[in-house]
PDB file of N, CA and C in Angstrom:
ATOM      1  N   MET A   1     -62.510   6.425 278.702  1.00  0.00           N
ATOM      2  CA  MET A   1     -61.562   6.432 279.802  1.00  0.00           C
ATOM      3  C   MET A   1     -61.126   7.867 280.047  1.00  0.00           C
ATOM      4  N   LYS A   2     -61.031   8.226 281.319  1.00  0.00           N
ATOM      5  CA  LYS A   2     -60.641   9.580 281.684  1.00  0.00           C
ATOM      6  C   LYS A   2     -59.120   9.720 281.739  1.00  0.00           C
ATOM      7  N   LEU A   3     -58.669  10.966 281.609  1.00  0.00           N
ATOM      8  CA  LEU A   3     -57.273  11.272 281.858  1.00  0.00           C
ATOM      9  C   LEU A   3     -57.069  11.359 283.362  1.00  0.00           C
ATOM     10  N   ALA A   4     -55.849  11.193 283.808  1.00  0.00           N
ATOM     11  CA  ALA A   4     -55.566  11.249 285.246  1.00  0.00           C
ATOM     12  C   ALA A   4     -55.988  12.590 285.830  1.00  0.00           C
ATOM     13  N   SER A   5     -55.826  13.659 285.089  1.00  0.00           N
ATOM     14  CA  SER A   5     -56.180  14.984 285.598  1.00  0.00           C
ATOM     15  C   SER A   5     -57.685  15.166 285.779  1.00  0.00           C
ATOM     16  N   GLU A   6     -58.505  14.278 285.214  1.00  0.00           N
ATOM     17  CA  GLU A   6     -59.956  14.378 285.316  1.00  0.00           C
ATOM     18  C   GLU A   6     -60.528  13.653 286.540  1.00  0.00           C
ATOM     19  N   TYR A   7     -59.682  12.923 287.281  1.00  0.00           N
ATOM     20  CA  TYR A   7     -60.138  12.232 288.480  1.00  0.00           C
ATOM     21  C   TYR A   7     -60.061  13.160 289.678  1.00  0.00           C
ATOM     22  N   GLU A   8     -60.937  12.933 290.656  1.00  0.00           N
ATOM     23  CA  GLU A   8     -60.937  13.726 291.876  1.00  0.00           C
ATOM     24  C   GLU A   8     -59.799  13.302 292.790  1.00  0.00           C
ATOM     25  N   GLU A   9     -59.402  14.201 293.653  1.00  0.00           N
ATOM     26  CA  GLU A   9     -58.385  13.893 294.650  1.00  0.00           C
ATOM     27  C   GLU A   9     -59.065  13.681 295.997  1.00  0.00           C
ATOM     28  N   ASP A  10     -58.447  12.815 296.830  1.00  0.00           N
ATOM     29  CA  ASP A  10     -58.978  12.638 298.181  1.00  0.00           C
ATOM     30  C   ASP A  10     -58.392  13.709 299.098  1.00  0.00           C
ATOM     31  N   GLU A  11     -58.683  13.615 300.395  1.00  0.00           N
ATOM     32  CA  GLU A  11     -58.231  14.651 301.331  1.00  0.00           C
ATOM     33  C   GLU A  11     -56.710  14.730 301.459  1.00  0.00           C
ATOM     34  N   ASP A  12     -56.005  13.671 301.073  1.00  0.00           N
ATOM     35  CA  ASP A  12     -54.540  13.675 301.131  1.00  0.00           C
ATOM     36  C   ASP A  12     -53.914  14.126 299.813  1.00  0.00           C
ATOM     37  N   GLY A  13     -54.738  14.511 298.860  1.00  0.00           N
ATOM     38  CA  GLY A  13     -54.226  14.949 297.569  1.00  0.00           C
ATOM     39  C   GLY A  13     -53.909  13.818 296.606  1.00  0.00           C
ATOM     40  N   GLN A  14     -54.337  12.585 296.961  1.00  0.00           N
ATOM     41  CA  GLN A  14     -54.094  11.427 296.101  1.00  0.00           C
ATOM     42  C   GLN A  14     -55.238  11.266 295.113  1.00  0.00           C
ATOM     43  N   MET A  15     -54.925  10.862 293.891  1.00  0.00           N
ATOM     44  CA  MET A  15     -55.952  10.650 292.887  1.00  0.00           C
ATOM     45  C   MET A  15     -56.733   9.382 293.237  1.00  0.00           C
ATOM     46  N   ARG A  16     -58.026   9.389 293.016  1.00  0.00           N
ATOM     47  CA  ARG A  16     -58.863   8.215 293.262  1.00  0.00           C
ATOM     48  C   ARG A  16     -59.212   7.597 291.918  1.00  0.00           C
ATOM     49  N   PHE A  17     -58.651   6.447 291.639  1.00  0.00           N
ATOM     50  CA  PHE A  17     -58.905   5.739 290.392  1.00  0.00           C
ATOM     51  C   PHE A  17     -59.845   4.578 290.655  1.00  0.00           C
ATOM     52  N   PRO A  18     -60.749   4.282 289.728  1.00  0.00           N
ATOM     53  CA  PRO A  18     -61.635   3.131 289.906  1.00  0.00           C
ATOM     54  C   PRO A  18     -60.883   1.827 289.662  1.00  0.00           C
ATOM     55  N   PHE A  19     -61.370   0.737 290.271  1.00  0.00           N
ATOM     56  CA  PHE A  19     -60.809  -0.570 289.974  1.00  0.00           C
ATOM     57  C   PHE A  19     -61.322  -1.017 288.621  1.00  0.00           C
ATOM     58  N   PHE A  20     -60.460  -1.555 287.780  1.00  0.00           N
ATOM     59  CA  PHE A  20     -60.862  -2.051 286.476  1.00  0.00           C
ATOM     60  C   PHE A  20     -61.098  -3.555 286.499  1.00  0.00           C
ATOM     61  N   PHE A  21     -60.952  -4.171 287.644  1.00  0.00           N
ATOM     62  CA  PHE A  21     -61.206  -5.595 287.815  1.00  0.00           C
ATOM     63  C   PHE A  21     -61.857  -5.780 289.176  1.00  0.00           C
ATOM     64  N   ASN A  22     -62.419  -6.922 289.379  1.00  0.00           N
ATOM     65  CA  ASN A  22     -63.075  -7.207 290.640  1.00  0.00           C
ATOM     66  C   ASN A  22     -62.109  -8.013 291.508  1.00  0.00           C
ATOM     67  N   PRO A  23     -61.484  -7.395 292.510  1.00  0.00           N
ATOM     68  CA  PRO A  23     -60.495  -8.119 293.328  1.00  0.00           C
ATOM     69  C   PRO A  23     -61.088  -9.251 294.154  1.00  0.00           C
ATOM     70  N   SER A  24     -62.408  -9.258 294.347  1.00  0.00           N
ATOM     71  CA  SER A  24     -63.017 -10.332 295.129  1.00  0.00           C
ATOM     72  C   SER A  24     -63.515 -11.478 294.254  1.00  0.00           C
ATOM     73  N   ALA A  25     -63.381 -11.350 292.930  1.00  0.00           N
ATOM     74  CA  ALA A  25     -63.825 -12.410 292.026  1.00  0.00           C
ATOM     75  C   ALA A  25     -62.889 -13.609 292.129  1.00  0.00           C
ATOM     76  N   PRO A  26     -63.429 -14.823 292.008  1.00  0.00           N
ATOM     77  CA  PRO A  26     -62.564 -16.003 292.076  1.00  0.00           C
ATOM     78  C   PRO A  26     -61.595 -16.039 290.898  1.00  0.00           C
ATOM     79  N   ARG A  27     -60.401 -16.501 291.157  1.00  0.00           N
ATOM     80  CA  ARG A  27     -59.396 -16.605 290.104  1.00  0.00           C
ATOM     81  C   ARG A  27     -59.616 -17.881 289.316  1.00  0.00           C
ATOM     82  N   GLY A  28     -59.323 -17.815 288.040  1.00  0.00           N
ATOM     83  CA  GLY A  28     -59.464 -18.987 287.190  1.00  0.00           C
ATOM     84  C   GLY A  28     -58.244 -19.878 287.279  1.00  0.00           C
ATOM     85  N   ARG A  29     -58.384 -21.060 286.743  1.00  0.00           N
ATOM     86  CA  ARG A  29     -57.269 -21.995 286.693  1.00  0.00           C
ATOM     87  C   ARG A  29     -56.261 -21.566 285.656  1.00  0.00           C
ATOM     88  N   ALA A  30     -55.017 -21.887 285.870  1.00  0.00           N
ATOM     89  CA  ALA A  30     -53.982 -21.599 284.882  1.00  0.00           C
ATOM     90  C   ALA A  30     -54.242 -22.434 283.635  1.00  0.00           C
ATOM     91  N   SER A  31     -53.965 -21.844 282.496  1.00  0.00           N
ATOM     92  CA  SER A  31     -54.206 -22.565 281.247  1.00  0.00           C
ATOM     93  C   SER A  31     -53.243 -23.741 281.116  1.00  0.00           C
ATOM     94  N   THR A  32     -53.711 -24.790 280.490  1.00  0.00           N
ATOM     95  CA  THR A  32     -52.901 -25.980 280.282  1.00  0.00           C
ATOM     96  C   THR A  32     -51.910 -25.719 279.158  1.00  0.00           C
ATOM     97  N   VAL A  33     -50.673 -26.079 279.387  1.00  0.00           N
ATOM     98  CA  VAL A  33     -49.638 -25.930 278.363  1.00  0.00           C
ATOM     99  C   VAL A  33     -49.492 -27.279 277.672  1.00  0.00           C
ATOM    100  N   THR A  34     -49.861 -27.325 276.409  1.00  0.00           N
ATOM    101  CA  THR A  34     -49.813 -28.583 275.661  1.00  0.00           C
ATOM    102  C   THR A  34     -48.376 -28.924 275.270  1.00  0.00           C
ATOM    103  N   GLU A  35     -48.181 -30.155 274.841  1.00  0.00           N
ATOM    104  CA  GLU A  35     -46.848 -30.595 274.417  1.00  0.00           C
ATOM    105  C   GLU A  35     -46.355 -29.779 273.223  1.00  0.00           C
ATOM    106  N   SER A  36     -47.264 -29.400 272.323  1.00  0.00           N
ATOM    107  CA  SER A  36     -46.841 -28.610 271.162  1.00  0.00           C
ATOM    108  C   SER A  36     -46.393 -27.211 271.585  1.00  0.00           C
ATOM    109  N   VAL A  37     -47.041 -26.634 272.594  1.00  0.00           N
ATOM    110  CA  VAL A  37     -46.625 -25.326 273.103  1.00  0.00           C
ATOM    111  C   VAL A  37     -45.275 -25.457 273.799  1.00  0.00           C
ATOM    112  N   LYS A  38     -45.094 -26.516 274.571  1.00  0.00           N
ATOM    113  CA  LYS A  38     -43.800 -26.742 275.230  1.00  0.00           C
ATOM    114  C   LYS A  38     -42.682 -26.864 274.200  1.00  0.00           C
ATOM    115  N   ARG A  39     -42.953 -27.602 273.140  1.00  0.00           N
ATOM    116  CA  ARG A  39     -41.960 -27.777 272.083  1.00  0.00           C
ATOM    117  C   ARG A  39     -41.625 -26.424 271.445  1.00  0.00           C
ATOM    118  N   ARG A  40     -42.661 -25.601 271.197  1.00  0.00           N
ATOM    119  CA  ARG A  40     -42.450 -24.291 270.591  1.00  0.00           C
ATOM    120  C   ARG A  40     -41.660 -23.381 271.522  1.00  0.00           C
ATOM    121  N   ILE A  41     -41.905 -23.453 272.816  1.00  0.00           N
ATOM    122  CA  ILE A  41     -41.146 -22.659 273.794  1.00  0.00           C
ATOM    123  C   ILE A  41     -39.666 -23.012 273.703  1.00  0.00           C
ATOM    124  N   ARG A  42     -39.367 -24.313 273.668  1.00  0.00           N
ATOM    125  CA  ARG A  42     -37.963 -24.747 273.587  1.00  0.00           C
ATOM    126  C   ARG A  42     -37.317 -24.315 272.268  1.00  0.00           C
ATOM    127  N   GLU A  43     -38.088 -24.393 271.178  1.00  0.00           N
ATOM    128  CA  GLU A  43     -37.562 -23.967 269.873  1.00  0.00           C
ATOM    129  C   GLU A  43     -37.222 -22.475 269.883  1.00  0.00           C
ATOM    130  N   LEU A  44     -38.103 -21.677 270.444  1.00  0.00           N
ATOM    131  CA  LEU A  44     -37.868 -20.232 270.493  1.00  0.00           C
ATOM    132  C   LEU A  44     -36.674 -19.903 271.385  1.00  0.00           C
ATOM    133  N   ARG A  45     -36.538 -20.637 272.508  1.00  0.00           N
ATOM    134  CA  ARG A  45     -35.392 -20.410 273.399  1.00  0.00           C
ATOM    135  C   ARG A  45     -34.089 -20.789 272.688  1.00  0.00           C
ATOM    136  N   ASP A  46     -34.102 -21.912 271.967  1.00  0.00           N
ATOM    137  CA  ASP A  46     -32.915 -22.334 271.219  1.00  0.00           C
ATOM    138  C   ASP A  46     -32.554 -21.341 270.121  1.00  0.00           C
ATOM    139  N   ALA A  47     -33.560 -20.619 269.618  1.00  0.00           N
ATOM    140  CA  ALA A  47     -33.329 -19.614 268.582  1.00  0.00           C
ATOM    141  C   ALA A  47     -32.792 -18.303 269.169  1.00  0.00           C
ATOM    142  N   GLY A  48     -32.706 -18.236 270.517  1.00  0.00           N
ATOM    143  CA  GLY A  48     -32.102 -17.073 271.155  1.00  0.00           C
ATOM    144  C   GLY A  48     -33.068 -16.078 271.771  1.00  0.00           C
ATOM    145  N   HIS A  49     -34.348 -16.390 271.773  1.00  0.00           N
ATOM    146  CA  HIS A  49     -35.322 -15.477 272.369  1.00  0.00           C
ATOM    147  C   HIS A  49     -35.294 -15.580 273.887  1.00  0.00           C
ATOM    148  N   ILE A  50     -35.593 -14.474 274.560  1.00  0.00           N
ATOM    149  CA  ILE A  50     -35.641 -14.475 276.025  1.00  0.00           C
ATOM    150  C   ILE A  50     -37.056 -14.840 276.483  1.00  0.00           C
ATOM    151  N   GLN A  51     -37.169 -15.251 277.744  1.00  0.00           N
ATOM    152  CA  GLN A  51     -38.431 -15.762 278.269  1.00  0.00           C
ATOM    153  C   GLN A  51     -39.587 -14.775 278.128  1.00  0.00           C
ATOM    154  N   SER A  52     -39.350 -13.512 278.418  1.00  0.00           N
ATOM    155  CA  SER A  52     -40.445 -12.542 278.335  1.00  0.00           C
ATOM    156  C   SER A  52     -40.944 -12.376 276.905  1.00  0.00           C
ATOM    157  N   ASP A  53     -40.041 -12.445 275.929  1.00  0.00           N
ATOM    158  CA  ASP A  53     -40.453 -12.358 274.523  1.00  0.00           C
ATOM    159  C   ASP A  53     -41.242 -13.602 274.113  1.00  0.00           C
ATOM    160  N   ILE A  54     -40.781 -14.765 274.548  1.00  0.00           N
ATOM    161  CA  ILE A  54     -41.487 -16.017 274.247  1.00  0.00           C
ATOM    162  C   ILE A  54     -42.898 -15.960 274.832  1.00  0.00           C
ATOM    163  N   ALA A  55     -43.002 -15.501 276.069  1.00  0.00           N
ATOM    164  CA  ALA A  55     -44.306 -15.402 276.720  1.00  0.00           C
ATOM    165  C   ALA A  55     -45.238 -14.493 275.927  1.00  0.00           C
ATOM    166  N   GLY A  56     -44.736 -13.364 275.483  1.00  0.00           N
ATOM    167  CA  GLY A  56     -45.548 -12.445 274.701  1.00  0.00           C
ATOM    168  C   GLY A  56     -45.982 -13.029 273.376  1.00  0.00           C
ATOM    169  N   MET A  57     -45.105 -13.769 272.731  1.00  0.00           N
ATOM    170  CA  MET A  57     -45.424 -14.381 271.440  1.00  0.00           C
ATOM    171  C   MET A  57     -46.516 -15.439 271.573  1.00  0.00           C
ATOM    172  N   LEU A  58     -46.498 -16.164 272.686  1.00  0.00           N
ATOM    173  CA  LEU A  58     -47.408 -17.303 272.842  1.00  0.00           C
ATOM    174  C   LEU A  58     -48.605 -17.004 273.753  1.00  0.00           C
ATOM    175  N   GLY A  59     -48.683 -15.793 274.275  1.00  0.00           N
ATOM    176  CA  GLY A  59     -49.807 -15.439 275.129  1.00  0.00           C
ATOM    177  C   GLY A  59     -49.762 -16.076 276.496  1.00  0.00           C
ATOM    178  N   LEU A  60     -48.566 -16.319 277.000  1.00  0.00           N
ATOM    179  CA  LEU A  60     -48.380 -16.898 278.331  1.00  0.00           C
ATOM    180  C   LEU A  60     -47.727 -15.852 279.218  1.00  0.00           C
ATOM    181  N   ASN A  61     -47.541 -16.181 280.494  1.00  0.00           N
ATOM    182  CA  ASN A  61     -46.743 -15.292 281.325  1.00  0.00           C
ATOM    183  C   ASN A  61     -45.323 -15.847 281.419  1.00  0.00           C
ATOM    184  N   GLN A  62     -44.405 -15.005 281.782  1.00  0.00           N
ATOM    185  CA  GLN A  62     -42.995 -15.380 281.808  1.00  0.00           C
ATOM    186  C   GLN A  62     -42.728 -16.504 282.797  1.00  0.00           C
ATOM    187  N   GLY A  63     -43.466 -16.543 283.892  1.00  0.00           N
ATOM    188  CA  GLY A  63     -43.284 -17.610 284.886  1.00  0.00           C
ATOM    189  C   GLY A  63     -43.622 -18.981 284.324  1.00  0.00           C
ATOM    190  N   ARG A  64     -44.677 -19.044 283.514  1.00  0.00           N
ATOM    191  CA  ARG A  64     -45.066 -20.315 282.896  1.00  0.00           C
ATOM    192  C   ARG A  64     -43.979 -20.778 281.931  1.00  0.00           C
ATOM    193  N   VAL A  65     -43.421 -19.848 281.153  1.00  0.00           N
ATOM    194  CA  VAL A  65     -42.332 -20.190 280.225  1.00  0.00           C
ATOM    195  C   VAL A  65     -41.135 -20.704 281.015  1.00  0.00           C
ATOM    196  N   SER A  66     -40.829 -20.054 282.118  1.00  0.00           N
ATOM    197  CA  SER A  66     -39.717 -20.483 282.966  1.00  0.00           C
ATOM    198  C   SER A  66     -39.935 -21.897 283.480  1.00  0.00           C
ATOM    199  N   GLU A  67     -41.153 -22.199 283.924  1.00  0.00           N
ATOM    200  CA  GLU A  67     -41.448 -23.546 284.416  1.00  0.00           C
ATOM    201  C   GLU A  67     -41.237 -24.602 283.327  1.00  0.00           C
ATOM    202  N   VAL A  68     -41.672 -24.303 282.124  1.00  0.00           N
ATOM    203  CA  VAL A  68     -41.487 -25.248 281.020  1.00  0.00           C
ATOM    204  C   VAL A  68     -40.003 -25.468 280.748  1.00  0.00           C
ATOM    205  N   LEU A  69     -39.249 -24.386 280.696  1.00  0.00           N
ATOM    206  CA  LEU A  69     -37.809 -24.499 280.393  1.00  0.00           C
ATOM    207  C   LEU A  69     -37.036 -25.216 281.494  1.00  0.00           C
ATOM    208  N   ARG A  70     -37.515 -25.118 282.725  1.00  0.00           N
ATOM    209  CA  ARG A  70     -36.843 -25.826 283.823  1.00  0.00           C
ATOM    210  C   ARG A  70     -37.364 -27.238 284.022  1.00  0.00           C
ATOM    211  N   GLY A  71     -38.343 -27.636 283.207  1.00  0.00           N
ATOM    212  CA  GLY A  71     -38.881 -28.988 283.287  1.00  0.00           C
ATOM    213  C   GLY A  71     -39.886 -29.195 284.404  1.00  0.00           C
ATOM    214  N   LEU A  72     -40.450 -28.135 284.935  1.00  0.00           N
ATOM    215  CA  LEU A  72     -41.433 -28.247 286.011  1.00  0.00           C
ATOM    216  C   LEU A  72     -42.839 -28.439 285.482  1.00  0.00           C
ATOM    217  N   ARG A  73     -43.034 -28.228 284.205  1.00  0.00           N
ATOM    218  CA  ARG A  73     -44.360 -28.391 283.575  1.00  0.00           C
ATOM    219  C   ARG A  73     -44.258 -29.345 282.436  1.00  0.00           C
TER     220      ARG A  73
END
């Protein structure tokens, strides 16, 4: 991986960085949250953890944790 200073600039002086993902690739389905994961989310929340920390611990995104805690999942 290059440093930012190693990339070329365009005519406006902006750095040109390559895409590290394919924006035209189809998106995958959201992972299924099992009952055991839901239970663990609630346990961690009851223990005082915040949603972003819970998401990081379980490999989910914060929005998914929020949905579970609000009963939407």
